[in-house]
PDB file of N, CA and C in Angstrom:
ATOM      1  N   UNK A   1     183.563  98.967 184.143  1.00  0.00           N
ATOM      2  CA  UNK A   1     184.205  99.804 185.325  1.00  0.00           C
ATOM      3  C   UNK A   1     183.130 100.635 186.065  1.00  0.00           C
ATOM      4  N   UNK A   2     182.242 101.232 185.210  1.00  0.00           N
ATOM      5  CA  UNK A   2     181.116 102.160 185.564  1.00  0.00           C
ATOM      6  C   UNK A   2     180.189 101.579 186.495  1.00  0.00           C
ATOM      7  N   UNK A   3     179.916 100.257 185.955  1.00  0.00           N
ATOM      8  CA  UNK A   3     179.057  99.312 186.718  1.00  0.00           C
ATOM      9  C   UNK A   3     179.433  99.018 188.067  1.00  0.00           C
ATOM     10  N   UNK A   4     180.687  98.721 188.202  1.00  0.00           N
ATOM     11  CA  UNK A   4     181.436  98.477 189.535  1.00  0.00           C
ATOM     12  C   UNK A   4     181.302  99.550 190.406  1.00  0.00           C
ATOM     13  N   UNK A   5     181.622 100.727 189.958  1.00  0.00           N
ATOM     14  CA  UNK A   5     181.505 101.907 190.846  1.00  0.00           C
ATOM     15  C   UNK A   5     180.276 102.250 191.488  1.00  0.00           C
ATOM     16  N   UNK A   6     179.221 102.029 190.361  1.00  0.00           N
ATOM     17  CA  UNK A   6     177.753 102.224 190.710  1.00  0.00           C
ATOM     18  C   UNK A   6     177.426 101.315 191.847  1.00  0.00           C
ATOM     19  N   UNK A   7     177.756 100.165 191.655  1.00  0.00           N
ATOM     20  CA  UNK A   7     177.452  99.227 192.807  1.00  0.00           C
ATOM     21  C   UNK A   7     178.314  99.331 193.995  1.00  0.00           C
ATOM     22  N   UNK A   8     179.455  99.851 193.908  1.00  0.00           N
ATOM     23  CA  UNK A   8     180.223 100.201 195.056  1.00  0.00           C
ATOM     24  C   UNK A   8     179.409 101.459 195.848  1.00  0.00           C
ATOM     25  N   UNK A   9     179.158 102.627 195.034  1.00  0.00           N
ATOM     26  CA  UNK A   9     178.396 103.624 195.712  1.00  0.00           C
ATOM     27  C   UNK A   9     176.817 103.452 196.212  1.00  0.00           C
ATOM     28  N   UNK A  10     176.249 102.640 195.507  1.00  0.00           N
ATOM     29  CA  UNK A  10     174.771 102.310 195.952  1.00  0.00           C
ATOM     30  C   UNK A  10     174.824 101.090 196.815  1.00  0.00           C
ATOM     31  N   UNK A  11     175.622 100.213 196.810  1.00  0.00           N
ATOM     32  CA  UNK A  11     175.572  98.977 197.660  1.00  0.00           C
ATOM     33  C   UNK A  11     174.952  98.058 196.874  1.00  0.00           C
ATOM     34  N   UNK A  12     174.867  96.625 197.435  1.00  0.00           N
ATOM     35  CA  UNK A  12     173.985  95.613 196.580  1.00  0.00           C
ATOM     36  C   UNK A  12     172.498  95.967 196.478  1.00  0.00           C
ATOM     37  N   UNK A  13     172.151  95.759 195.242  1.00  0.00           N
ATOM     38  CA  UNK A  13     170.824  95.886 194.766  1.00  0.00           C
ATOM     39  C   UNK A  13     170.036  94.883 195.387  1.00  0.00           C
ATOM     40  N   UNK A  14     168.725  95.150 195.957  1.00  0.00           N
ATOM     41  CA  UNK A  14     167.927  94.129 196.508  1.00  0.00           C
ATOM     42  C   UNK A  14     167.476  93.061 195.283  1.00  0.00           C
ATOM     43  N   UNK A  15     167.299  91.868 195.787  1.00  0.00           N
ATOM     44  CA  UNK A  15     167.016  90.784 194.971  1.00  0.00           C
ATOM     45  C   UNK A  15     165.616  90.301 195.227  1.00  0.00           C
ATOM     46  N   UNK A  16     164.639  91.309 195.041  1.00  0.00           N
ATOM     47  CA  UNK A  16     163.207  91.053 195.222  1.00  0.00           C
ATOM     48  C   UNK A  16     162.590  90.642 193.593  1.00  0.00           C
ATOM     49  N   UNK A  17     161.616  89.732 193.793  1.00  0.00           N
ATOM     50  CA  UNK A  17     161.129  89.536 192.236  1.00  0.00           C
ATOM     51  C   UNK A  17     160.335  90.618 191.854  1.00  0.00           C
ATOM     52  N   UNK A  18     160.224  90.912 190.597  1.00  0.00           N
ATOM     53  CA  UNK A  18     159.345  91.944 190.115  1.00  0.00           C
ATOM     54  C   UNK A  18     158.192  91.734 190.179  1.00  0.00           C
ATOM     55  N   UNK A  19     157.085  92.562 190.441  1.00  0.00           N
ATOM     56  CA  UNK A  19     155.799  92.524 190.519  1.00  0.00           C
ATOM     57  C   UNK A  19     155.234  92.280 189.258  1.00  0.00           C
ATOM     58  N   UNK A  20     154.099  91.407 189.134  1.00  0.00           N
ATOM     59  CA  UNK A  20     153.721  91.073 187.811  1.00  0.00           C
ATOM     60  C   UNK A  20     152.796  92.195 187.430  1.00  0.00           C
ATOM     61  N   UNK A  21     152.756  92.355 186.044  1.00  0.00           N
ATOM     62  CA  UNK A  21     152.197  93.564 185.391  1.00  0.00           C
ATOM     63  C   UNK A  21     150.875  93.069 184.956  1.00  0.00           C
ATOM     64  N   UNK A  22     149.715  93.598 185.390  1.00  0.00           N
ATOM     65  CA  UNK A  22     148.291  93.088 185.318  1.00  0.00           C
ATOM     66  C   UNK A  22     147.989  93.141 183.844  1.00  0.00           C
ATOM     67  N   UNK A  23     147.305  92.047 183.466  1.00  0.00           N
ATOM     68  CA  UNK A  23     146.658  92.177 182.119  1.00  0.00           C
ATOM     69  C   UNK A  23     145.665  93.288 182.053  1.00  0.00           C
ATOM     70  N   UNK A  24     145.909  94.008 180.997  1.00  0.00           N
ATOM     71  CA  UNK A  24     144.709  95.036 180.595  1.00  0.00           C
ATOM     72  C   UNK A  24     143.359  94.346 180.794  1.00  0.00           C
ATOM     73  N   UNK A  25     142.240  95.147 180.845  1.00  0.00           N
ATOM     74  CA  UNK A  25     141.017  94.306 180.717  1.00  0.00           C
ATOM     75  C   UNK A  25     140.765  94.232 179.363  1.00  0.00           C
ATOM     76  N   UNK A  26     139.871  93.320 179.193  1.00  0.00           N
ATOM     77  CA  UNK A  26     139.462  92.943 177.842  1.00  0.00           C
ATOM     78  C   UNK A  26     138.321  94.142 177.323  1.00  0.00           C
ATOM     79  N   UNK A  27     138.776  95.221 177.067  1.00  0.00           N
ATOM     80  CA  UNK A  27     137.878  96.188 176.361  1.00  0.00           C
ATOM     81  C   UNK A  27     138.343  96.652 174.896  1.00  0.00           C
ATOM     82  N   UNK A  28     137.693  97.362 174.172  1.00  0.00           N
ATOM     83  CA  UNK A  28     138.018  97.845 172.987  1.00  0.00           C
ATOM     84  C   UNK A  28     138.731  96.966 171.999  1.00  0.00           C
ATOM     85  N   UNK A  29     139.981  97.293 171.527  1.00  0.00           N
ATOM     86  CA  UNK A  29     140.659  96.652 170.588  1.00  0.00           C
ATOM     87  C   UNK A  29     140.952  95.035 171.300  1.00  0.00           C
ATOM     88  N   UNK A  30     141.236  94.979 172.521  1.00  0.00           N
ATOM     89  CA  UNK A  30     141.515  93.565 173.098  1.00  0.00           C
ATOM     90  C   UNK A  30     140.339  92.863 173.153  1.00  0.00           C
ATOM     91  N   UNK A  31     139.321  93.160 173.272  1.00  0.00           N
ATOM     92  CA  UNK A  31     137.975  92.372 173.191  1.00  0.00           C
ATOM     93  C   UNK A  31     137.638  91.960 171.782  1.00  0.00           C
ATOM     94  N   UNK A  32     137.900  93.247 170.615  1.00  0.00           N
ATOM     95  CA  UNK A  32     137.744  92.863 169.487  1.00  0.00           C
ATOM     96  C   UNK A  32     138.579  91.721 168.951  1.00  0.00           C
ATOM     97  N   UNK A  33     139.873  91.944 169.488  1.00  0.00           N
ATOM     98  CA  UNK A  33     140.841  90.830 169.133  1.00  0.00           C
ATOM     99  C   UNK A  33     140.648  89.306 169.615  1.00  0.00           C
ATOM    100  N   UNK A  34     140.273  89.515 170.699  1.00  0.00           N
ATOM    101  CA  UNK A  34     139.651  88.108 171.449  1.00  0.00           C
ATOM    102  C   UNK A  34     138.783  87.422 170.384  1.00  0.00           C
ATOM    103  N   UNK A  35     137.665  88.171 169.971  1.00  0.00           N
ATOM    104  CA  UNK A  35     136.683  87.684 169.041  1.00  0.00           C
ATOM    105  C   UNK A  35     137.238  87.274 167.788  1.00  0.00           C
ATOM    106  N   UNK A  36     138.184  88.115 167.243  1.00  0.00           N
ATOM    107  CA  UNK A  36     138.773  87.619 165.927  1.00  0.00           C
ATOM    108  C   UNK A  36     139.688  86.433 166.078  1.00  0.00           C
ATOM    109  N   UNK A  37     140.233  86.188 167.094  1.00  0.00           N
ATOM    110  CA  UNK A  37     141.141  84.966 167.384  1.00  0.00           C
ATOM    111  C   UNK A  37     139.983  83.711 167.720  1.00  0.00           C
ATOM    112  N   UNK A  38     138.991  83.889 168.233  1.00  0.00           N
ATOM    113  CA  UNK A  38     137.931  82.806 168.320  1.00  0.00           C
ATOM    114  C   UNK A  38     137.420  82.480 166.901  1.00  0.00           C
ATOM    115  N   UNK A  39     137.319  83.489 166.360  1.00  0.00           N
ATOM    116  CA  UNK A  39     136.847  83.272 164.784  1.00  0.00           C
ATOM    117  C   UNK A  39     137.829  82.485 163.879  1.00  0.00           C
ATOM    118  N   UNK A  40     139.063  82.994 164.209  1.00  0.00           N
ATOM    119  CA  UNK A  40     140.180  82.224 163.268  1.00  0.00           C
ATOM    120  C   UNK A  40     140.307  80.748 163.844  1.00  0.00           C
ATOM    121  N   UNK A  41     140.277  80.693 165.054  1.00  0.00           N
ATOM    122  CA  UNK A  41     140.611  79.236 165.653  1.00  0.00           C
ATOM    123  C   UNK A  41     139.509  78.271 164.988  1.00  0.00           C
ATOM    124  N   UNK A  42     138.286  78.890 164.837  1.00  0.00           N
ATOM    125  CA  UNK A  42     137.197  78.088 164.447  1.00  0.00           C
ATOM    126  C   UNK A  42     136.826  77.922 162.968  1.00  0.00           C
ATOM    127  N   UNK A  43     137.618  78.912 162.184  1.00  0.00           N
ATOM    128  CA  UNK A  43     137.593  78.820 160.668  1.00  0.00           C
ATOM    129  C   UNK A  43     137.977  77.719 160.180  1.00  0.00           C
ATOM    130  N   UNK A  44     137.379  76.823 159.295  1.00  0.00           N
ATOM    131  CA  UNK A  44     137.557  75.769 158.803  1.00  0.00           C
ATOM    132  C   UNK A  44     137.133  75.541 157.332  1.00  0.00           C
ATOM    133  N   UNK A  45     136.667  76.856 156.622  1.00  0.00           N
ATOM    134  CA  UNK A  45     136.274  76.794 155.485  1.00  0.00           C
ATOM    135  C   UNK A  45     136.540  78.043 154.690  1.00  0.00           C
ATOM    136  N   UNK A  46     136.373  78.055 153.245  1.00  0.00           N
ATOM    137  CA  UNK A  46     136.844  79.279 152.664  1.00  0.00           C
ATOM    138  C   UNK A  46     135.864  80.431 152.996  1.00  0.00           C
ATOM    139  N   UNK A  47     134.620  80.360 153.088  1.00  0.00           N
ATOM    140  CA  UNK A  47     133.755  81.585 153.450  1.00  0.00           C
ATOM    141  C   UNK A  47     134.210  82.149 154.986  1.00  0.00           C
ATOM    142  N   UNK A  48     134.345  81.046 155.975  1.00  0.00           N
ATOM    143  CA  UNK A  48     134.864  81.550 157.293  1.00  0.00           C
ATOM    144  C   UNK A  48     136.131  82.338 157.258  1.00  0.00           C
ATOM    145  N   UNK A  49     137.137  81.954 156.411  1.00  0.00           N
ATOM    146  CA  UNK A  49     138.520  82.419 156.484  1.00  0.00           C
ATOM    147  C   UNK A  49     138.496  83.777 155.479  1.00  0.00           C
ATOM    148  N   UNK A  50     137.329  83.735 154.640  1.00  0.00           N
ATOM    149  CA  UNK A  50     137.441  85.076 153.567  1.00  0.00           C
ATOM    150  C   UNK A  50     137.126  86.379 154.629  1.00  0.00           C
ATOM    151  N   UNK A  51     136.269  86.132 155.787  1.00  0.00           N
ATOM    152  CA  UNK A  51     135.931  87.136 156.438  1.00  0.00           C
ATOM    153  C   UNK A  51     137.226  87.776 157.381  1.00  0.00           C
ATOM    154  N   UNK A  52     138.330  86.742 157.419  1.00  0.00           N
ATOM    155  CA  UNK A  52     139.478  87.122 158.097  1.00  0.00           C
ATOM    156  C   UNK A  52     140.715  87.406 157.728  1.00  0.00           C
ATOM    157  N   UNK A  53     140.687  87.313 156.321  1.00  0.00           N
ATOM    158  CA  UNK A  53     141.973  87.392 155.588  1.00  0.00           C
ATOM    159  C   UNK A  53     141.728  88.729 154.608  1.00  0.00           C
ATOM    160  N   UNK A  54     142.729  89.668 154.714  1.00  0.00           N
ATOM    161  CA  UNK A  54     142.732  90.914 153.768  1.00  0.00           C
ATOM    162  C   UNK A  54     143.047  90.567 152.297  1.00  0.00           C
ATOM    163  N   UNK A  55     142.560  91.085 151.356  1.00  0.00           N
ATOM    164  CA  UNK A  55     142.681  90.898 150.071  1.00  0.00           C
ATOM    165  C   UNK A  55     144.068  90.668 149.404  1.00  0.00           C
ATOM    166  N   UNK A  56     144.861  91.543 150.200  1.00  0.00           N
ATOM    167  CA  UNK A  56     146.241  91.349 149.719  1.00  0.00           C
ATOM    168  C   UNK A  56     147.175  90.879 150.844  1.00  0.00           C
ATOM    169  N   UNK A  57     146.534  89.758 151.684  1.00  0.00           N
ATOM    170  CA  UNK A  57     147.532  89.156 152.412  1.00  0.00           C
ATOM    171  C   UNK A  57     148.467  88.372 151.988  1.00  0.00           C
ATOM    172  N   UNK A  58     149.671  88.159 153.000  1.00  0.00           N
ATOM    173  CA  UNK A  58     151.020  87.465 152.610  1.00  0.00           C
ATOM    174  C   UNK A  58     150.967  86.339 153.783  1.00  0.00           C
ATOM    175  N   UNK A  59     151.420  85.264 153.331  1.00  0.00           N
ATOM    176  CA  UNK A  59     151.612  84.130 154.260  1.00  0.00           C
ATOM    177  C   UNK A  59     152.992  83.529 153.881  1.00  0.00           C
ATOM    178  N   UNK A  60     153.860  83.110 154.955  1.00  0.00           N
ATOM    179  CA  UNK A  60     154.809  82.726 154.805  1.00  0.00           C
ATOM    180  C   UNK A  60     154.796  81.344 155.664  1.00  0.00           C
ATOM    181  N   UNK A  61     155.062  80.237 155.200  1.00  0.00           N
ATOM    182  CA  UNK A  61     155.131  78.847 155.846  1.00  0.00           C
ATOM    183  C   UNK A  61     156.070  77.897 154.996  1.00  0.00           C
ATOM    184  N   UNK A  62     156.850  77.007 155.640  1.00  0.00           N
ATOM    185  CA  UNK A  62     157.686  76.074 155.020  1.00  0.00           C
ATOM    186  C   UNK A  62     158.638  76.701 154.037  1.00  0.00           C
ATOM    187  N   UNK A  63     159.216  77.933 154.314  1.00  0.00           N
ATOM    188  CA  UNK A  63     159.943  78.612 153.647  1.00  0.00           C
ATOM    189  C   UNK A  63     159.367  79.184 152.275  1.00  0.00           C
ATOM    190  N   UNK A  64     158.360  79.178 152.125  1.00  0.00           N
ATOM    191  CA  UNK A  64     157.584  79.703 150.908  1.00  0.00           C
ATOM    192  C   UNK A  64     156.434  80.777 151.152  1.00  0.00           C
ATOM    193  N   UNK A  65     156.385  81.690 150.195  1.00  0.00           N
ATOM    194  CA  UNK A  65     155.317  82.809 150.507  1.00  0.00           C
ATOM    195  C   UNK A  65     154.427  82.707 149.396  1.00  0.00           C
ATOM    196  N   UNK A  66     153.266  82.978 149.927  1.00  0.00           N
ATOM    197  CA  UNK A  66     151.899  83.099 149.074  1.00  0.00           C
ATOM    198  C   UNK A  66     151.289  84.567 149.214  1.00  0.00           C
ATOM    199  N   UNK A  67     150.909  85.127 148.147  1.00  0.00           N
ATOM    200  CA  UNK A  67     150.323  86.496 148.319  1.00  0.00           C
ATOM    201  C   UNK A  67     148.830  86.469 147.591  1.00  0.00           C
ATOM    202  N   UNK A  68     147.890  86.988 148.384  1.00  0.00           N
ATOM    203  CA  UNK A  68     146.466  87.201 148.080  1.00  0.00           C
ATOM    204  C   UNK A  68     145.513  86.416 148.942  1.00  0.00           C
ATOM    205  N   UNK A  69     144.411  86.863 149.012  1.00  0.00           N
ATOM    206  CA  UNK A  69     143.453  86.111 149.883  1.00  0.00           C
ATOM    207  C   UNK A  69     143.217  84.783 149.453  1.00  0.00           C
ATOM    208  N   UNK A  70     143.046  84.361 148.333  1.00  0.00           N
ATOM    209  CA  UNK A  70     142.630  83.227 147.672  1.00  0.00           C
ATOM    210  C   UNK A  70     143.841  82.122 147.948  1.00  0.00           C
ATOM    211  N   UNK A  71     144.932  82.593 147.730  1.00  0.00           N
ATOM    212  CA  UNK A  71     146.260  81.697 147.853  1.00  0.00           C
ATOM    213  C   UNK A  71     146.310  81.675 149.464  1.00  0.00           C
ATOM    214  N   UNK A  72     146.279  82.568 150.205  1.00  0.00           N
ATOM    215  CA  UNK A  72     146.649  82.346 151.721  1.00  0.00           C
ATOM    216  C   UNK A  72     145.479  81.406 152.013  1.00  0.00           C
ATOM    217  N   UNK A  73     144.307  81.534 152.027  1.00  0.00           N
ATOM    218  CA  UNK A  73     143.267  80.540 152.264  1.00  0.00           C
ATOM    219  C   UNK A  73     143.482  79.177 151.873  1.00  0.00           C
ATOM    220  N   UNK A  74     143.849  78.911 150.698  1.00  0.00           N
ATOM    221  CA  UNK A  74     144.126  77.672 150.097  1.00  0.00           C
ATOM    222  C   UNK A  74     145.244  76.900 151.020  1.00  0.00           C
ATOM    223  N   UNK A  75     146.223  77.807 151.357  1.00  0.00           N
ATOM    224  CA  UNK A  75     147.343  77.300 151.776  1.00  0.00           C
ATOM    225  C   UNK A  75     147.122  76.888 153.361  1.00  0.00           C
ATOM    226  N   UNK A  76     146.415  77.762 154.012  1.00  0.00           N
ATOM    227  CA  UNK A  76     145.807  77.495 155.396  1.00  0.00           C
ATOM    228  C   UNK A  76     144.802  76.437 155.507  1.00  0.00           C
ATOM    229  N   UNK A  77     144.051  76.065 154.583  1.00  0.00           N
ATOM    230  CA  UNK A  77     143.147  74.959 154.617  1.00  0.00           C
ATOM    231  C   UNK A  77     143.976  73.658 154.345  1.00  0.00           C
ATOM    232  N   UNK A  78     144.993  73.644 153.546  1.00  0.00           N
ATOM    233  CA  UNK A  78     145.927  72.639 153.404  1.00  0.00           C
ATOM    234  C   UNK A  78     147.048  72.303 154.144  1.00  0.00           C
ATOM    235  N   UNK A  79     147.268  73.297 154.939  1.00  0.00           N
ATOM    236  CA  UNK A  79     148.455  73.067 155.714  1.00  0.00           C
ATOM    237  C   UNK A  79     148.390  72.423 157.104  1.00  0.00           C
ATOM    238  N   UNK A  80     147.228  71.783 157.594  1.00  0.00           N
ATOM    239  CA  UNK A  80     147.399  71.130 158.905  1.00  0.00           C
ATOM    240  C   UNK A  80     147.026  72.185 160.102  1.00  0.00           C
ATOM    241  N   UNK A  81     147.170  71.519 161.004  1.00  0.00           N
ATOM    242  CA  UNK A  81     146.921  72.241 162.438  1.00  0.00           C
ATOM    243  C   UNK A  81     147.817  73.518 162.534  1.00  0.00           C
ATOM    244  N   UNK A  82     147.376  74.510 162.820  1.00  0.00           N
ATOM    245  CA  UNK A  82     148.018  75.903 163.099  1.00  0.00           C
ATOM    246  C   UNK A  82     147.373  76.718 164.122  1.00  0.00           C
ATOM    247  N   UNK A  83     146.569  76.080 165.009  1.00  0.00           N
ATOM    248  CA  UNK A  83     145.717  76.892 166.080  1.00  0.00           C
ATOM    249  C   UNK A  83     146.599  77.484 166.960  1.00  0.00           C
ATOM    250  N   UNK A  84     146.499  78.967 167.326  1.00  0.00           N
ATOM    251  CA  UNK A  84     147.284  79.467 168.220  1.00  0.00           C
ATOM    252  C   UNK A  84     146.979  79.098 169.672  1.00  0.00           C
ATOM    253  N   UNK A  85     148.053  79.292 170.472  1.00  0.00           N
ATOM    254  CA  UNK A  85     147.902  78.995 171.914  1.00  0.00           C
ATOM    255  C   UNK A  85     148.885  80.066 172.544  1.00  0.00           C
ATOM    256  N   UNK A  86     148.474  80.334 173.730  1.00  0.00           N
ATOM    257  CA  UNK A  86     149.666  81.139 174.656  1.00  0.00           C
ATOM    258  C   UNK A  86     149.834  82.329 173.724  1.00  0.00           C
ATOM    259  N   UNK A  87     148.745  83.121 173.385  1.00  0.00           N
ATOM    260  CA  UNK A  87     148.822  84.234 172.580  1.00  0.00           C
ATOM    261  C   UNK A  87     149.400  85.517 173.347  1.00  0.00           C
ATOM    262  N   UNK A  88     150.133  86.212 172.708  1.00  0.00           N
ATOM    263  CA  UNK A  88     150.549  87.578 173.115  1.00  0.00           C
ATOM    264  C   UNK A  88     150.168  88.646 172.080  1.00  0.00           C
ATOM    265  N   UNK A  89     149.502  89.601 172.318  1.00  0.00           N
ATOM    266  CA  UNK A  89     149.149  90.609 171.514  1.00  0.00           C
ATOM    267  C   UNK A  89     150.155  91.947 171.852  1.00  0.00           C
ATOM    268  N   UNK A  90     150.534  92.687 170.729  1.00  0.00           N
ATOM    269  CA  UNK A  90     151.050  94.007 170.869  1.00  0.00           C
ATOM    270  C   UNK A  90     150.068  94.918 169.876  1.00  0.00           C
ATOM    271  N   UNK A  91     149.399  95.900 170.567  1.00  0.00           N
ATOM    272  CA  UNK A  91     148.406  96.573 170.025  1.00  0.00           C
ATOM    273  C   UNK A  91     149.013  98.004 169.704  1.00  0.00           C
ATOM    274  N   UNK A  92     148.952  98.379 168.630  1.00  0.00           N
ATOM    275  CA  UNK A  92     149.299  99.659 168.213  1.00  0.00           C
ATOM    276  C   UNK A  92     148.531 100.892 169.135  1.00  0.00           C
ATOM    277  N   UNK A  93     149.411 101.659 169.623  1.00  0.00           N
ATOM    278  CA  UNK A  93     148.809 102.702 170.554  1.00  0.00           C
ATOM    279  C   UNK A  93     147.385 103.598 169.811  1.00  0.00           C
ATOM    280  N   UNK A  94     147.946 103.768 168.321  1.00  0.00           N
ATOM    281  CA  UNK A  94     146.914 104.548 167.729  1.00  0.00           C
ATOM    282  C   UNK A  94     145.695 103.627 167.278  1.00  0.00           C
ATOM    283  N   UNK A  95     145.801 102.326 167.378  1.00  0.00           N
ATOM    284  CA  UNK A  95     144.689 101.683 167.114  1.00  0.00           C
ATOM    285  C   UNK A  95     144.923 101.037 165.688  1.00  0.00           C
ATOM    286  N   UNK A  96     143.948 100.044 165.468  1.00  0.00           N
ATOM    287  CA  UNK A  96     143.769  99.727 164.149  1.00  0.00           C
ATOM    288  C   UNK A  96     144.760  98.689 163.492  1.00  0.00           C
ATOM    289  N   UNK A  97     145.658  98.352 164.490  1.00  0.00           N
ATOM    290  CA  UNK A  97     146.791  97.494 164.096  1.00  0.00           C
ATOM    291  C   UNK A  97     147.315  96.789 165.185  1.00  0.00           C
ATOM    292  N   UNK A  98     147.555  95.332 164.930  1.00  0.00           N
ATOM    293  CA  UNK A  98     148.054  94.488 166.126  1.00  0.00           C
ATOM    294  C   UNK A  98     148.904  93.440 165.646  1.00  0.00           C
ATOM    295  N   UNK A  99     149.769  92.967 166.501  1.00  0.00           N
ATOM    296  CA  UNK A  99     150.632  91.983 166.135  1.00  0.00           C
ATOM    297  C   UNK A  99     150.580  90.714 167.071  1.00  0.00           C
ATOM    298  N   UNK A 100     150.463  89.629 166.802  1.00  0.00           N
ATOM    299  CA  UNK A 100     149.981  88.434 167.484  1.00  0.00           C
ATOM    300  C   UNK A 100     151.115  87.418 167.445  1.00  0.00           C
ATOM    301  N   UNK A 101     151.662  87.158 168.665  1.00  0.00           N
ATOM    302  CA  UNK A 101     152.659  86.041 168.780  1.00  0.00           C
ATOM    303  C   UNK A 101     152.136  84.903 169.369  1.00  0.00           C
ATOM    304  N   UNK A 102     152.228  83.586 169.132  1.00  0.00           N
ATOM    305  CA  UNK A 102     151.650  82.464 169.518  1.00  0.00           C
ATOM    306  C   UNK A 102     152.433  81.162 169.281  1.00  0.00           C
ATOM    307  N   UNK A 103     152.100  80.173 170.273  1.00  0.00           N
ATOM    308  CA  UNK A 103     152.424  78.758 169.939  1.00  0.00           C
ATOM    309  C   UNK A 103     151.504  78.336 168.897  1.00  0.00           C
ATOM    310  N   UNK A 104     151.977  77.386 168.116  1.00  0.00           N
ATOM    311  CA  UNK A 104     150.932  76.303 167.505  1.00  0.00           C
ATOM    312  C   UNK A 104     151.456  74.866 167.846  1.00  0.00           C
ATOM    313  N   UNK A 105     150.817  74.011 167.415  1.00  0.00           N
ATOM    314  CA  UNK A 105     151.008  72.516 167.644  1.00  0.00           C
ATOM    315  C   UNK A 105     152.403  72.192 167.031  1.00  0.00           C
ATOM    316  N   UNK A 106     152.731  72.868 165.677  1.00  0.00           N
ATOM    317  CA  UNK A 106     153.820  72.612 165.036  1.00  0.00           C
ATOM    318  C   UNK A 106     155.012  73.542 165.407  1.00  0.00           C
ATOM    319  N   UNK A 107     154.871  74.630 166.105  1.00  0.00           N
ATOM    320  CA  UNK A 107     156.016  75.710 166.238  1.00  0.00           C
ATOM    321  C   UNK A 107     155.405  77.032 166.790  1.00  0.00           C
ATOM    322  N   UNK A 108     155.651  78.142 165.744  1.00  0.00           N
ATOM    323  CA  UNK A 108     155.209  79.405 166.098  1.00  0.00           C
ATOM    324  C   UNK A 108     154.492  80.038 164.961  1.00  0.00           C
ATOM    325  N   UNK A 109     153.582  81.007 165.565  1.00  0.00           N
ATOM    326  CA  UNK A 109     152.926  81.736 164.378  1.00  0.00           C
ATOM    327  C   UNK A 109     153.061  83.134 164.809  1.00  0.00           C
ATOM    328  N   UNK A 110     153.333  84.151 163.913  1.00  0.00           N
ATOM    329  CA  UNK A 110     153.267  85.679 164.094  1.00  0.00           C
ATOM    330  C   UNK A 110     152.220  86.108 162.810  1.00  0.00           C
ATOM    331  N   UNK A 111     151.334  87.067 163.376  1.00  0.00           N
ATOM    332  CA  UNK A 111     150.390  87.404 162.557  1.00  0.00           C
ATOM    333  C   UNK A 111     150.314  88.949 162.747  1.00  0.00           C
ATOM    334  N   UNK A 112     150.045  89.587 161.791  1.00  0.00           N
ATOM    335  CA  UNK A 112     149.739  91.307 161.672  1.00  0.00           C
ATOM    336  C   UNK A 112     148.301  91.246 161.401  1.00  0.00           C
ATOM    337  N   UNK A 113     147.450  91.796 161.966  1.00  0.00           N
ATOM    338  CA  UNK A 113     146.175  92.205 161.647  1.00  0.00           C
ATOM    339  C   UNK A 113     145.902  93.549 161.647  1.00  0.00           C
ATOM    340  N   UNK A 114     144.979  94.071 160.694  1.00  0.00           N
ATOM    341  CA  UNK A 114     144.513  95.486 160.711  1.00  0.00           C
ATOM    342  C   UNK A 114     142.995  95.807 160.911  1.00  0.00           C
ATOM    343  N   UNK A 115     142.647  96.683 161.403  1.00  0.00           N
ATOM    344  CA  UNK A 115     141.050  96.687 161.334  1.00  0.00           C
ATOM    345  C   UNK A 115     140.743  97.803 160.382  1.00  0.00           C
ATOM    346  N   UNK A 116     139.824  97.256 159.422  1.00  0.00           N
ATOM    347  CA  UNK A 116     139.268  98.087 158.247  1.00  0.00           C
ATOM    348  C   UNK A 116     137.778  98.032 158.544  1.00  0.00           C
ATOM    349  N   UNK A 117     137.151  99.348 158.643  1.00  0.00           N
ATOM    350  CA  UNK A 117     135.802  99.442 159.004  1.00  0.00           C
ATOM    351  C   UNK A 117     135.292  98.544 160.074  1.00  0.00           C
ATOM    352  N   UNK A 118     136.172  98.481 161.025  1.00  0.00           N
ATOM    353  CA  UNK A 118     135.524  97.751 162.306  1.00  0.00           C
ATOM    354  C   UNK A 118     135.787  96.204 162.185  1.00  0.00           C
ATOM    355  N   UNK A 119     136.337  95.647 161.017  1.00  0.00           N
ATOM    356  CA  UNK A 119     136.709  94.334 160.980  1.00  0.00           C
ATOM    357  C   UNK A 119     138.159  94.047 160.933  1.00  0.00           C
ATOM    358  N   UNK A 120     138.600  93.133 161.871  1.00  0.00           N
ATOM    359  CA  UNK A 120     140.121  92.728 161.867  1.00  0.00           C
ATOM    360  C   UNK A 120     140.358  91.658 160.674  1.00  0.00           C
ATOM    361  N   UNK A 121     141.291  92.000 160.158  1.00  0.00           N
ATOM    362  CA  UNK A 121     141.666  91.239 158.842  1.00  0.00           C
ATOM    363  C   UNK A 121     143.368  90.780 158.872  1.00  0.00           C
ATOM    364  N   UNK A 122     143.845  89.709 158.683  1.00  0.00           N
ATOM    365  CA  UNK A 122     145.130  89.292 158.646  1.00  0.00           C
ATOM    366  C   UNK A 122     145.493  89.699 157.381  1.00  0.00           C
ATOM    367  N   UNK A 123     146.643  90.664 157.576  1.00  0.00           N
ATOM    368  CA  UNK A 123     147.298  91.168 156.500  1.00  0.00           C
ATOM    369  C   UNK A 123     148.850  90.408 156.184  1.00  0.00           C
ATOM    370  N   UNK A 124     149.387  89.971 157.325  1.00  0.00           N
ATOM    371  CA  UNK A 124     150.761  89.046 157.263  1.00  0.00           C
ATOM    372  C   UNK A 124     150.737  87.885 158.376  1.00  0.00           C
ATOM    373  N   UNK A 125     151.073  86.826 157.870  1.00  0.00           N
ATOM    374  CA  UNK A 125     151.035  85.608 158.640  1.00  0.00           C
ATOM    375  C   UNK A 125     152.423  84.900 158.326  1.00  0.00           C
ATOM    376  N   UNK A 126     152.908  84.443 159.333  1.00  0.00           N
ATOM    377  CA  UNK A 126     154.270  83.535 159.349  1.00  0.00           C
ATOM    378  C   UNK A 126     153.894  82.371 160.197  1.00  0.00           C
ATOM    379  N   UNK A 127     154.137  81.297 159.733  1.00  0.00           N
ATOM    380  CA  UNK A 127     153.954  79.790 160.618  1.00  0.00           C
ATOM    381  C   UNK A 127     155.186  79.312 160.447  1.00  0.00           C
ATOM    382  N   UNK A 128     155.906  78.948 161.498  1.00  0.00           N
ATOM    383  CA  UNK A 128     157.076  78.256 161.419  1.00  0.00           C
ATOM    384  C   UNK A 128     157.074  77.369 162.432  1.00  0.00           C
TER     385      UNK A 128
END
């Protein structure tokens, strides 16, 4: 009832498309996360992934969870293609933490990364 009253008092709302929100420039954390993502996309070995995965990382995939860097890396290397595309980042205003949401060839990927001593590392990864 209140919405009807508001529409009656204000008249019809204009139907103009919203203006696109410009993408922030690739500076600071956004630039660092771009470099992190490029490294993740190219990581095909234990040493390459070791630099990108936190020691206490957690991975959920195929309804199962593994914990710890070695277990996560083993599952990633055995799990097939999971290269992120159409990536969206949600970066903590305080910095040091970011959430990635992306498409993969098999579905979807969500990844929480943290910056420790200037290095971004995966702390939580879910591939569905």
